[in-house]
C-alpha atoms as a PDB file:
ATOM      1  CA  MET A   1       0.640 -10.277 -13.149  1.00  0.00           C
ATOM      2  CA  SER A   2       1.604 -13.365 -12.001  1.00  0.00           C
ATOM      3  CA  GLN A   3      -0.978 -14.424  -9.402  1.00  0.00           C
ATOM      4  CA  SER A   4       1.588 -14.538  -6.670  1.00  0.00           C
ATOM      5  CA  LYS A   5       2.302 -11.128  -7.068  1.00  0.00           C
ATOM      6  CA  ARG A   6      -1.021  -9.629  -7.673  1.00  0.00           C
ATOM      7  CA  ASP A   7      -2.348 -10.953  -4.807  1.00  0.00           C
ATOM      8  CA  GLN A   8      -0.169  -9.244  -2.837  1.00  0.00           C
ATOM      9  CA  VAL A   9      -1.128  -6.190  -3.711  1.00  0.00           C
ATOM     10  CA  ILE A  10      -4.339  -6.950  -3.182  1.00  0.00           C
ATOM     11  CA  SER A  11      -3.335  -8.012   0.488  1.00  0.00           C
ATOM     12  CA  HIS A  12      -1.630  -4.730   0.876  1.00  0.00           C
ATOM     13  CA  ILE A  13      -4.203  -2.815  -0.449  1.00  0.00           C
ATOM     14  CA  ARG A  14      -6.676  -4.203   1.567  1.00  0.00           C
ATOM     15  CA  TYR A  15      -4.788  -3.401   4.533  1.00  0.00           C
ATOM     16  CA  LEU A  16      -3.565   0.052   3.967  1.00  0.00           C
ATOM     17  CA  ARG A  17      -7.730   0.708   2.856  1.00  0.00           C
ATOM     18  CA  GLN A  18      -8.892  -0.792   6.355  1.00  0.00           C
ATOM     19  CA  GLU A  19      -5.493   1.030   8.520  1.00  0.00           C
ATOM     20  CA  LEU A  20      -6.839   4.354   6.913  1.00  0.00           C
ATOM     21  CA  ARG A  21     -10.273   3.796   7.632  1.00  0.00           C
ATOM     22  CA  GLU A  22      -9.677   3.427  11.519  1.00  0.00           C
ATOM     23  CA  MET A  23      -7.411   6.053  10.811  1.00  0.00           C
ATOM     24  CA  HIS A  24     -10.722   8.347   9.192  1.00  0.00           C
ATOM     25  CA  LEU A  25     -13.433   7.488  12.232  1.00  0.00           C
ATOM     26  CA  SER A  26     -10.250   8.317  14.400  1.00  0.00           C
ATOM     27  CA  ILE A  27     -10.576  11.857  13.740  1.00  0.00           C
ATOM     28  CA  ASN A  28     -13.873  12.307  12.215  1.00  0.00           C
ATOM     29  CA  GLU A  29     -15.177  10.695  15.470  1.00  0.00           C
ATOM     30  CA  ASP A  30     -13.156  11.530  17.773  1.00  0.00           C
ATOM     31  CA  ASP A  31     -11.098  14.780  16.615  1.00  0.00           C
ATOM     32  CA  LEU A  32      -8.025  12.372  16.927  1.00  0.00           C
ATOM     33  CA  PHE A  33      -4.687  12.965  15.283  1.00  0.00           C
ATOM     34  CA  PRO A  34      -3.125   9.504  14.689  1.00  0.00           C
ATOM     35  CA  ASP A  35       0.208   8.860  15.865  1.00  0.00           C
ATOM     36  CA  PRO A  36       2.985   9.512  13.781  1.00  0.00           C
ATOM     37  CA  SER A  37       4.230   6.074  14.562  1.00  0.00           C
ATOM     38  CA  GLU A  38       1.561   4.997  12.556  1.00  0.00           C
ATOM     39  CA  LEU A  39       1.738   7.359  10.051  1.00  0.00           C
ATOM     40  CA  ARG A  40       5.174   6.572   9.316  1.00  0.00           C
ATOM     41  CA  GLY A  41       3.439   2.649   8.955  1.00  0.00           C
ATOM     42  CA  ILE A  42       1.646   3.749   5.927  1.00  0.00           C
ATOM     43  CA  MET A  43       3.711   5.351   4.489  1.00  0.00           C
ATOM     44  CA  ALA A  44       6.439   2.625   4.354  1.00  0.00           C
ATOM     45  CA  GLN A  45       3.485   0.152   3.668  1.00  0.00           C
ATOM     46  CA  LEU A  46       2.393   2.379   0.651  1.00  0.00           C
ATOM     47  CA  GLU A  47       6.086   2.476   0.010  1.00  0.00           C
ATOM     48  CA  ALA A  48       6.200  -1.236  -0.297  1.00  0.00           C
ATOM     49  CA  LEU A  49       3.268  -1.513  -2.544  1.00  0.00           C
ATOM     50  CA  LEU A  50       5.440   1.067  -4.414  1.00  0.00           C
ATOM     51  CA  GLU A  51       8.875  -1.465  -5.234  1.00  0.00           C
ATOM     52  CA  LEU A  52       6.746  -3.689  -5.254  1.00  0.00           C
ATOM     53  CA  VAL A  53       3.874  -2.949  -8.338  1.00  0.00           C
ATOM     54  CA  GLU A  54       7.589  -0.482  -9.876  1.00  0.00           C
ATOM     55  CA  GLY A  55       9.150  -3.711  -9.972  1.00  0.00           C
ATOM     56  CA  ASN A  56       6.871  -5.723 -12.058  1.00  0.00           C
ATOM     57  CA  THR A  57       6.803  -2.978 -14.447  1.00  0.00           C
ATOM     58  CA  LYS A  58       9.807  -2.887 -15.102  1.00  0.00           C
ATOM     59  CA  ILE A  59       9.938  -6.775 -15.982  1.00  0.00           C
ATOM     60  CA  GLN A  60       7.408  -5.976 -17.996  1.00  0.00           C
ATOM     61  CA  SER A  61       8.499  -3.018 -20.004  1.00  0.00           C
ATOM     62  CA  ASN A  62      12.048  -4.676 -20.004  1.00  0.00           C
ATOM     63  CA  SER A  63      10.861  -7.601 -21.506  1.00  0.00           C
ATOM     64  CA  GLU A  64       7.972  -5.805 -23.742  1.00  0.00           C
ATOM     65  CA  ALA A  65      10.887  -4.787 -25.398  1.00  0.00           C
ATOM     66  CA  ALA A  66      13.153  -7.480 -25.640  1.00  0.00           C
END
């Protein structure tokens, strides 16, 4: 994985971890569930991360097959 892709993945993961940590604390401390829009945002971020990783994996596997 190129360094810029790696940095993008690391950035996505750090953001997602922070958001999920905040949601978890909110649920544990206040018994408040996150807004559906917050959950949709996290899901969109996870999908973007998956596309980033899968796109890179497909490129590597195609080059390895050649």
